[in-house]
Amino acid sequence: NIYLIIGICMGLSLSLFLVPVNDFENEEKMEYVSQLSHTHE
């Protein structure tokens, strides 16, 4: 199952590499959603 293992390893490596960018975008989205929720309430 060497090919399966290699694929899992590569996927984990890419996810770790993209963590800072994704977290920043998610923070902006969460902040925008929070503002909308606050205004709506």
All heavy atoms as atom14 arrays in JSON, in Angstrom:
{
  "sequence": "NIYLIIGICMGLSLSLFLVPVNDFENEEKMEYVSQLSHTHE",
  "atom14_mask": [
    [1, 1, 1, 1, 1, 1, 1, 1, 0, 0, 0, 0, 0, 0],
    [1, 1, 1, 1, 1, 1, 1, 1, 0, 0, 0, 0, 0, 0],
    [1, 1, 1, 1, 1, 1, 1, 1, 1, 1, 1, 1, 0, 0],
    [1, 1, 1, 1, 1, 1, 1, 1, 0, 0, 0, 0, 0, 0],
    [1, 1, 1, 1, 1, 1, 1, 1, 0, 0, 0, 0, 0, 0],
    [1, 1, 1, 1, 1, 1, 1, 1, 0, 0, 0, 0, 0, 0],
    [1, 1, 1, 1, 0, 0, 0, 0, 0, 0, 0, 0, 0, 0],
    [1, 1, 1, 1, 1, 1, 1, 1, 0, 0, 0, 0, 0, 0],
    [1, 1, 1, 1, 1, 1, 0, 0, 0, 0, 0, 0, 0, 0],
    [1, 1, 1, 1, 1, 1, 1, 1, 0, 0, 0, 0, 0, 0],
    [1, 1, 1, 1, 0, 0, 0, 0, 0, 0, 0, 0, 0, 0],
    [1, 1, 1, 1, 1, 1, 1, 1, 0, 0, 0, 0, 0, 0],
    [1, 1, 1, 1, 1, 1, 0, 0, 0, 0, 0, 0, 0, 0],
    [1, 1, 1, 1, 1, 1, 1, 1, 0, 0, 0, 0, 0, 0],
    [1, 1, 1, 1, 1, 1, 0, 0, 0, 0, 0, 0, 0, 0],
    [1, 1, 1, 1, 1, 1, 1, 1, 0, 0, 0, 0, 0, 0],
    [1, 1, 1, 1, 1, 1, 1, 1, 1, 1, 1, 0, 0, 0],
    [1, 1, 1, 1, 1, 1, 1, 1, 0, 0, 0, 0, 0, 0],
    [1, 1, 1, 1, 1, 1, 1, 0, 0, 0, 0, 0, 0, 0],
    [1, 1, 1, 1, 1, 1, 1, 0, 0, 0, 0, 0, 0, 0],
    [1, 1, 1, 1, 1, 1, 1, 0, 0, 0, 0, 0, 0, 0],
    [1, 1, 1, 1, 1, 1, 1, 1, 0, 0, 0, 0, 0, 0],
    [1, 1, 1, 1, 1, 1, 1, 1, 0, 0, 0, 0, 0, 0],
    [1, 1, 1, 1, 1, 1, 1, 1, 1, 1, 1, 0, 0, 0],
    [1, 1, 1, 1, 1, 1, 1, 1, 1, 0, 0, 0, 0, 0],
    [1, 1, 1, 1, 1, 1, 1, 1, 0, 0, 0, 0, 0, 0],
    [1, 1, 1, 1, 1, 1, 1, 1, 1, 0, 0, 0, 0, 0],
    [1, 1, 1, 1, 1, 1, 1, 1, 1, 0, 0, 0, 0, 0],
    [1, 1, 1, 1, 1, 1, 1, 1, 1, 0, 0, 0, 0, 0],
    [1, 1, 1, 1, 1, 1, 1, 1, 0, 0, 0, 0, 0, 0],
    [1, 1, 1, 1, 1, 1, 1, 1, 1, 0, 0, 0, 0, 0],
    [1, 1, 1, 1, 1, 1, 1, 1, 1, 1, 1, 1, 0, 0],
    [1, 1, 1, 1, 1, 1, 1, 0, 0, 0, 0, 0, 0, 0],
    [1, 1, 1, 1, 1, 1, 0, 0, 0, 0, 0, 0, 0, 0],
    [1, 1, 1, 1, 1, 1, 1, 1, 1, 0, 0, 0, 0, 0],
    [1, 1, 1, 1, 1, 1, 1, 1, 0, 0, 0, 0, 0, 0],
    [1, 1, 1, 1, 1, 1, 0, 0, 0, 0, 0, 0, 0, 0],
    [1, 1, 1, 1, 1, 1, 1, 1, 1, 1, 0, 0, 0, 0],
    [1, 1, 1, 1, 1, 1, 1, 0, 0, 0, 0, 0, 0, 0],
    [1, 1, 1, 1, 1, 1, 1, 1, 1, 1, 0, 0, 0, 0],
    [1, 1, 1, 1, 1, 1, 1, 1, 1, 0, 0, 0, 0, 0]
  ],
  "atom14_positions": [
    [[0.84, -1.24, 0.0], [0.0, 0.0, 0.0], [0.86, 1.26, 0.0], [0.5, 2.29, 0.58], [-0.91, 0.02, 1.24], [-1.91, -1.16, 1.22], [-2.64, -1.35, 0.26], [-1.88, -1.95, 2.29], [0.0, 0.0, 0.0], [0.0, 0.0, 0.0], [0.0, 0.0, 0.0], [0.0, 0.0, 0.0], [0.0, 0.0, 0.0], [0.0, 0.0, 0.0]],
    [[2.06, 1.11, -0.59], [3.01, 2.22, -0.59], [2.44, 3.5, -1.22], [2.66, 4.62, -0.78], [4.32, 1.78, -1.28], [5.38, 2.88, -1.11], [4.06, 1.46, -2.74], [5.78, 3.12, 0.29], [0.0, 0.0, 0.0], [0.0, 0.0, 0.0], [0.0, 0.0, 0.0], [0.0, 0.0, 0.0], [0.0, 0.0, 0.0], [0.0, 0.0, 0.0]],
    [[1.63, 3.35, -2.26], [1.08, 4.54, -2.96], [0.07, 5.26, -2.09], [-0.02, 6.49, -2.09], [0.45, 4.12, -4.29], [1.46, 3.53, -5.26], [1.51, 2.16, -5.52], [2.39, 4.37, -5.91], [2.43, 1.62, -6.4], [3.32, 3.83, -6.78], [3.33, 2.47, -7.03], [4.25, 1.94, -7.88], [0.0, 0.0, 0.0], [0.0, 0.0, 0.0]],
    [[-0.71, 4.48, -1.35], [-1.68, 5.09, -0.45], [-0.98, 5.89, 0.64], [-1.38, 7.01, 0.98], [-2.56, 4.0, 0.18], [-3.59, 4.48, 1.21], [-4.58, 5.46, 0.58], [-4.32, 3.27, 1.81], [0.0, 0.0, 0.0], [0.0, 0.0, 0.0], [0.0, 0.0, 0.0], [0.0, 0.0, 0.0], [0.0, 0.0, 0.0], [0.0, 0.0, 0.0]],
    [[0.08, 5.32, 1.17], [0.81, 5.98, 2.24], [1.45, 7.26, 1.75], [1.44, 8.31, 2.41], [1.85, 5.03, 2.83], [1.13, 3.83, 3.5], [2.77, 5.73, 3.83], [2.08, 2.72, 3.93], [0.0, 0.0, 0.0], [0.0, 0.0, 0.0], [0.0, 0.0, 0.0], [0.0, 0.0, 0.0], [0.0, 0.0, 0.0], [0.0, 0.0, 0.0]],
    [[2.06, 7.17, 0.58], [2.71, 8.38, 0.01], [1.68, 9.49, -0.19], [1.92, 10.65, 0.1], [3.4, 8.02, -1.32], [4.59, 7.09, -1.05], [3.87, 9.29, -2.03], [5.26, 6.54, -2.3], [0.0, 0.0, 0.0], [0.0, 0.0, 0.0], [0.0, 0.0, 0.0], [0.0, 0.0, 0.0], [0.0, 0.0, 0.0], [0.0, 0.0, 0.0]],
    [[0.47, 9.14, -0.68], [-0.57, 10.16, -0.89], [-0.99, 10.8, 0.4], [-1.2, 12.03, 0.47], [0.0, 0.0, 0.0], [0.0, 0.0, 0.0], [0.0, 0.0, 0.0], [0.0, 0.0, 0.0], [0.0, 0.0, 0.0], [0.0, 0.0, 0.0], [0.0, 0.0, 0.0], [0.0, 0.0, 0.0], [0.0, 0.0, 0.0], [0.0, 0.0, 0.0]],
    [[-1.11, 10.0, 1.48], [-1.52, 10.57, 2.78], [-0.45, 11.52, 3.3], [-0.75, 12.61, 3.8], [-1.79, 9.43, 3.78], [-3.04, 8.64, 3.34], [-1.99, 9.98, 5.19], [-3.27, 7.38, 4.18], [0.0, 0.0, 0.0], [0.0, 0.0, 0.0], [0.0, 0.0, 0.0], [0.0, 0.0, 0.0], [0.0, 0.0, 0.0], [0.0, 0.0, 0.0]],
    [[0.79, 11.12, 3.14], [1.88, 11.98, 3.62], [1.93, 13.3, 2.86], [2.13, 14.38, 3.45], [3.22, 11.23, 3.46], [3.35, 9.81, 4.58], [0.0, 0.0, 0.0], [0.0, 0.0, 0.0], [0.0, 0.0, 0.0], [0.0, 0.0, 0.0], [0.0, 0.0, 0.0], [0.0, 0.0, 0.0], [0.0, 0.0, 0.0], [0.0, 0.0, 0.0]],
    [[1.77, 13.24, 1.57], [1.8, 14.47, 0.79], [0.63, 15.38, 1.16], [0.76, 16.6, 1.25], [1.75, 14.15, -0.71], [3.02, 13.48, -1.22], [2.94, 13.12, -3.0], [2.88, 14.77, -3.63], [0.0, 0.0, 0.0], [0.0, 0.0, 0.0], [0.0, 0.0, 0.0], [0.0, 0.0, 0.0], [0.0, 0.0, 0.0], [0.0, 0.0, 0.0]],
    [[-0.53, 14.8, 1.4], [-1.69, 15.62, 1.79], [-1.47, 16.31, 3.11], [-1.8, 17.49, 3.28], [0.0, 0.0, 0.0], [0.0, 0.0, 0.0], [0.0, 0.0, 0.0], [0.0, 0.0, 0.0], [0.0, 0.0, 0.0], [0.0, 0.0, 0.0], [0.0, 0.0, 0.0], [0.0, 0.0, 0.0], [0.0, 0.0, 0.0], [0.0, 0.0, 0.0]],
    [[-0.9, 15.6, 4.1], [-0.63, 16.22, 5.4], [0.38, 17.34, 5.28], [0.27, 18.39, 5.93], [-0.15, 15.15, 6.38], [-1.2, 14.09, 6.79], [-0.53, 13.0, 7.65], [-2.31, 14.76, 7.59], [0.0, 0.0, 0.0], [0.0, 0.0, 0.0], [0.0, 0.0, 0.0], [0.0, 0.0, 0.0], [0.0, 0.0, 0.0], [0.0, 0.0, 0.0]],
    [[1.41, 17.11, 4.42], [2.45, 18.14, 4.25], [1.85, 19.42, 3.66], [2.13, 20.54, 4.11], [3.56, 17.6, 3.35], [4.16, 16.45, 3.93], [0.0, 0.0, 0.0], [0.0, 0.0, 0.0], [0.0, 0.0, 0.0], [0.0, 0.0, 0.0], [0.0, 0.0, 0.0], [0.0, 0.0, 0.0], [0.0, 0.0, 0.0], [0.0, 0.0, 0.0]],
    [[1.01, 19.26, 2.64], [0.4, 20.45, 2.01], [-0.52, 21.17, 2.99], [-0.57, 22.41, 3.03], [-0.38, 20.02, 0.77], [0.48, 19.59, -0.44], [-0.41, 19.06, -1.56], [1.31, 20.76, -0.96], [0.0, 0.0, 0.0], [0.0, 0.0, 0.0], [0.0, 0.0, 0.0], [0.0, 0.0, 0.0], [0.0, 0.0, 0.0], [0.0, 0.0, 0.0]],
    [[-1.26, 20.45, 3.79], [-2.17, 21.09, 4.74], [-1.41, 21.89, 5.78], [-1.81, 22.99, 6.17], [-3.05, 20.05, 5.41], [-2.24, 19.17, 6.17], [0.0, 0.0, 0.0], [0.0, 0.0, 0.0], [0.0, 0.0, 0.0], [0.0, 0.0, 0.0], [0.0, 0.0, 0.0], [0.0, 0.0, 0.0], [0.0, 0.0, 0.0], [0.0, 0.0, 0.0]],
    [[-0.27, 21.36, 6.21], [0.54, 22.09, 7.17], [1.15, 23.35, 6.56], [1.28, 24.39, 7.21], [1.65, 21.17, 7.7], [1.19, 19.99, 8.58], [2.39, 19.07, 8.92], [0.57, 20.51, 9.86], [0.0, 0.0, 0.0], [0.0, 0.0, 0.0], [0.0, 0.0, 0.0], [0.0, 0.0, 0.0], [0.0, 0.0, 0.0], [0.0, 0.0, 0.0]],
    [[1.5, 23.27, 5.28], [2.11, 24.41, 4.61], [1.12, 25.58, 4.44], [1.47, 26.75, 4.51], [2.66, 23.94, 3.25], [3.28, 25.06, 2.44], [4.55, 25.56, 2.79], [2.6, 25.63, 1.39], [5.09, 26.59, 2.06], [3.15, 26.65, 0.67], [4.41, 27.15, 0.99], [0.0, 0.0, 0.0], [0.0, 0.0, 0.0], [0.0, 0.0, 0.0]],
    [[-0.15, 25.27, 4.24], [-1.17, 26.3, 3.96], [-1.93, 26.75, 5.19], [-2.87, 27.51, 5.1], [-2.18, 25.76, 2.94], [-1.6, 25.45, 1.54], [-2.68, 24.83, 0.67], [-1.05, 26.7, 0.9], [0.0, 0.0, 0.0], [0.0, 0.0, 0.0], [0.0, 0.0, 0.0], [0.0, 0.0, 0.0], [0.0, 0.0, 0.0], [0.0, 0.0, 0.0]],
    [[-1.56, 26.33, 6.34], [-2.31, 26.7, 7.55], [-2.35, 28.19, 7.8], [-3.4, 28.76, 8.06], [-1.73, 25.94, 8.77], [-2.16, 26.6, 10.08], [-2.2, 24.5, 8.76], [0.0, 0.0, 0.0], [0.0, 0.0, 0.0], [0.0, 0.0, 0.0], [0.0, 0.0, 0.0], [0.0, 0.0, 0.0], [0.0, 0.0, 0.0], [0.0, 0.0, 0.0]],
    [[-1.26, 29.01, 7.77], [-1.33, 30.45, 8.1], [-2.28, 31.21, 7.18], [-3.04, 32.05, 7.63], [0.12, 30.91, 7.93], [0.93, 29.69, 8.11], [0.14, 28.56, 7.54], [0.0, 0.0, 0.0], [0.0, 0.0, 0.0], [0.0, 0.0, 0.0], [0.0, 0.0, 0.0], [0.0, 0.0, 0.0], [0.0, 0.0, 0.0], [0.0, 0.0, 0.0]],
    [[-2.22, 30.93, 5.83], [-3.1, 31.65, 4.88], [-4.54, 31.32, 5.14], [-5.41, 32.18, 5.22], [-2.71, 31.3, 3.44], [-3.63, 31.98, 2.46], [-1.25, 31.69, 3.2], [0.0, 0.0, 0.0], [0.0, 0.0, 0.0], [0.0, 0.0, 0.0], [0.0, 0.0, 0.0], [0.0, 0.0, 0.0], [0.0, 0.0, 0.0], [0.0, 0.0, 0.0]],
    [[-4.9, 30.13, 5.3], [-6.28, 29.72, 5.51], [-6.82, 30.27, 6.82], [-7.96, 30.68, 6.91], [-6.39, 28.2, 5.51], [-6.16, 27.62, 4.11], [-6.28, 28.34, 3.14], [-5.81, 26.35, 4.03], [0.0, 0.0, 0.0], [0.0, 0.0, 0.0], [0.0, 0.0, 0.0], [0.0, 0.0, 0.0], [0.0, 0.0, 0.0], [0.0, 0.0, 0.0]],
    [[-5.98, 30.3, 7.84], [-6.45, 30.82, 9.12], [-6.77, 32.3, 9.03], [-7.73, 32.78, 9.61], [-5.38, 30.58, 10.19], [-5.28, 29.12, 10.58], [-6.24, 28.36, 10.24], [-4.29, 28.76, 11.2], [0.0, 0.0, 0.0], [0.0, 0.0, 0.0], [0.0, 0.0, 0.0], [0.0, 0.0, 0.0], [0.0, 0.0, 0.0], [0.0, 0.0, 0.0]],
    [[-5.96, 33.07, 8.25], [-6.2, 34.52, 8.11], [-7.51, 34.79, 7.39], [-8.3, 35.64, 7.79], [-5.01, 35.12, 7.36], [-5.18, 36.6, 7.11], [-4.99, 37.5, 8.14], [-5.55, 37.05, 5.85], [-5.15, 38.84, 7.93], [-5.69, 38.4, 5.64], [-5.5, 39.31, 6.67], [0.0, 0.0, 0.0], [0.0, 0.0, 0.0], [0.0, 0.0, 0.0]],
    [[-7.73, 34.04, 6.33], [-8.98, 34.21, 5.58], [-10.16, 33.82, 6.44], [-11.2, 34.47, 6.44], [-8.95, 33.38, 4.31], [-7.97, 33.92, 3.27], [-7.96, 33.07, 2.01], [-8.63, 32.01, 2.03], [-7.31, 33.46, 1.03], [0.0, 0.0, 0.0], [0.0, 0.0, 0.0], [0.0, 0.0, 0.0], [0.0, 0.0, 0.0], [0.0, 0.0, 0.0]],
    [[-10.01, 32.76, 7.18], [-11.12, 32.33, 8.03], [-11.41, 33.36, 9.11], [-12.56, 33.59, 9.48], [-10.79, 30.99, 8.67], [-10.81, 29.85, 7.64], [-11.45, 29.99, 6.61], [-10.1, 28.77, 7.91], [0.0, 0.0, 0.0], [0.0, 0.0, 0.0], [0.0, 0.0, 0.0], [0.0, 0.0, 0.0], [0.0, 0.0, 0.0], [0.0, 0.0, 0.0]],
    [[-10.35, 34.01, 9.62], [-10.57, 35.04, 10.63], [-11.36, 36.21, 10.06], [-12.25, 36.75, 10.7], [-9.22, 35.52, 11.18], [-8.53, 34.48, 12.07], [-7.18, 34.98, 12.52], [-6.84, 36.13, 12.16], [-6.49, 34.24, 13.23], [0.0, 0.0, 0.0], [0.0, 0.0, 0.0], [0.0, 0.0, 0.0], [0.0, 0.0, 0.0], [0.0, 0.0, 0.0]],
    [[-11.0, 36.62, 8.82], [-11.74, 37.72, 8.19], [-13.19, 37.34, 7.99], [-14.1, 38.12, 8.24], [-11.1, 38.09, 6.85], [-9.82, 38.87, 7.01], [-9.32, 39.34, 5.67], [-9.78, 38.78, 4.65], [-8.5, 40.26, 5.63], [0.0, 0.0, 0.0], [0.0, 0.0, 0.0], [0.0, 0.0, 0.0], [0.0, 0.0, 0.0], [0.0, 0.0, 0.0]],
    [[-13.41, 36.14, 7.52], [-14.78, 35.69, 7.28], [-15.55, 35.63, 8.58], [-16.7, 36.05, 8.66], [-14.78, 34.32, 6.6], [-14.25, 34.36, 5.18], [-14.24, 32.98, 4.55], [-13.69, 33.02, 3.14], [-13.61, 31.69, 2.52], [0.0, 0.0, 0.0], [0.0, 0.0, 0.0], [0.0, 0.0, 0.0], [0.0, 0.0, 0.0], [0.0, 0.0, 0.0]],
    [[-14.93, 35.13, 9.59], [-15.62, 35.03, 10.88], [-15.93, 36.41, 11.44], [-16.99, 36.64, 12.01], [-14.74, 34.24, 11.87], [-14.59, 32.77, 11.51], [-16.17, 31.9, 11.48], [-16.6, 31.98, 13.21], [0.0, 0.0, 0.0], [0.0, 0.0, 0.0], [0.0, 0.0, 0.0], [0.0, 0.0, 0.0], [0.0, 0.0, 0.0], [0.0, 0.0, 0.0]],
    [[-14.98, 37.33, 11.26], [-15.23, 38.68, 11.76], [-16.38, 39.32, 10.99], [-17.24, 39.99, 11.57], [-13.95, 39.5, 11.6], [-14.12, 40.94, 12.15], [-12.85, 41.73, 11.98], [-11.87, 41.16, 11.44], [-12.85, 42.91, 12.37], [0.0, 0.0, 0.0], [0.0, 0.0, 0.0], [0.0, 0.0, 0.0], [0.0, 0.0, 0.0], [0.0, 0.0, 0.0]],
    [[-16.43, 39.17, 9.67], [-17.5, 39.74, 8.85], [-18.85, 39.15, 9.23], [-19.84, 39.86, 9.39], [-17.19, 39.49, 7.37], [-18.27, 39.99, 6.44], [-18.47, 41.35, 6.25], [-19.09, 39.09, 5.75], [-19.45, 41.82, 5.41], [-20.07, 39.55, 4.9], [-20.25, 40.91, 4.73], [-21.23, 41.36, 3.88], [0.0, 0.0, 0.0], [0.0, 0.0, 0.0]],
    [[-18.87, 37.79, 9.42], [-20.11, 37.12, 9.83], [-20.53, 37.61, 11.2], [-21.7, 37.82, 11.48], [-19.92, 35.59, 9.81], [-21.12, 34.9, 10.42], [-19.7, 35.11, 8.39], [0.0, 0.0, 0.0], [0.0, 0.0, 0.0], [0.0, 0.0, 0.0], [0.0, 0.0, 0.0], [0.0, 0.0, 0.0], [0.0, 0.0, 0.0], [0.0, 0.0, 0.0]],
    [[-19.54, 37.82, 12.09], [-19.86, 38.3, 13.43], [-20.48, 39.69, 13.38], [-21.43, 39.99, 14.08], [-18.59, 38.31, 14.28], [-18.86, 38.86, 15.55], [0.0, 0.0, 0.0], [0.0, 0.0, 0.0], [0.0, 0.0, 0.0], [0.0, 0.0, 0.0], [0.0, 0.0, 0.0], [0.0, 0.0, 0.0], [0.0, 0.0, 0.0], [0.0, 0.0, 0.0]],
    [[-19.93, 40.55, 12.53], [-20.49, 41.89, 12.39], [-21.91, 41.83, 11.86], [-22.78, 42.56, 12.32], [-19.61, 42.73, 11.47], [-18.27, 43.09, 12.08], [-17.43, 43.89, 11.1], [-17.82, 44.09, 9.97], [-16.25, 44.29, 11.55], [0.0, 0.0, 0.0], [0.0, 0.0, 0.0], [0.0, 0.0, 0.0], [0.0, 0.0, 0.0], [0.0, 0.0, 0.0]],
    [[-22.16, 41.02, 10.85], [-23.5, 40.89, 10.3], [-24.47, 40.4, 11.36], [-25.59, 40.88, 11.48], [-23.51, 39.94, 9.11], [-22.86, 40.48, 7.82], [-22.91, 39.4, 6.74], [-23.56, 41.74, 7.35], [0.0, 0.0, 0.0], [0.0, 0.0, 0.0], [0.0, 0.0, 0.0], [0.0, 0.0, 0.0], [0.0, 0.0, 0.0], [0.0, 0.0, 0.0]],
    [[-24.03, 39.43, 12.14], [-24.89, 38.9, 13.18], [-25.2, 39.95, 14.22], [-26.33, 40.1, 14.67], [-24.22, 37.68, 13.84], [-23.97, 36.69, 12.87], [0.0, 0.0, 0.0], [0.0, 0.0, 0.0], [0.0, 0.0, 0.0], [0.0, 0.0, 0.0], [0.0, 0.0, 0.0], [0.0, 0.0, 0.0], [0.0, 0.0, 0.0], [0.0, 0.0, 0.0]],
    [[-24.17, 40.73, 14.57], [-24.37, 41.76, 15.57], [-25.34, 42.83, 15.05], [-26.24, 43.27, 15.77], [-23.02, 42.39, 15.92], [-23.14, 43.51, 16.91], [-23.41, 43.29, 18.25], [-23.04, 44.86, 16.75], [-23.47, 44.45, 18.87], [-23.25, 45.41, 17.98], [0.0, 0.0, 0.0], [0.0, 0.0, 0.0], [0.0, 0.0, 0.0], [0.0, 0.0, 0.0]],
    [[-25.18, 43.23, 13.78], [-26.08, 44.24, 13.19], [-27.49, 43.71, 13.11], [-28.46, 44.41, 13.4], [-25.57, 44.62, 11.79], [-24.24, 45.1, 11.9], [-26.45, 45.7, 11.19], [0.0, 0.0, 0.0], [0.0, 0.0, 0.0], [0.0, 0.0, 0.0], [0.0, 0.0, 0.0], [0.0, 0.0, 0.0], [0.0, 0.0, 0.0], [0.0, 0.0, 0.0]],
    [[-27.63, 42.48, 12.71], [-28.96, 41.88, 12.59], [-29.66, 41.8, 13.93], [-30.86, 42.02, 14.04], [-28.82, 40.49, 11.97], [-30.14, 39.78, 11.85], [-31.09, 40.13, 10.91], [-30.65, 38.73, 12.56], [-32.15, 39.34, 11.04], [-31.9, 38.49, 12.03], [0.0, 0.0, 0.0], [0.0, 0.0, 0.0], [0.0, 0.0, 0.0], [0.0, 0.0, 0.0]],
    [[-28.87, 41.51, 14.98], [-29.47, 41.4, 16.29], [-29.84, 42.77, 16.85], [-30.8, 42.91, 17.6], [-28.5, 40.68, 17.25], [-28.28, 39.22, 16.88], [-27.19, 38.6, 17.72], [-26.61, 39.35, 18.55], [-26.9, 37.4, 17.56], [0.0, 0.0, 0.0], [0.0, 0.0, 0.0], [0.0, 0.0, 0.0], [0.0, 0.0, 0.0], [0.0, 0.0, 0.0]]
  ]
}
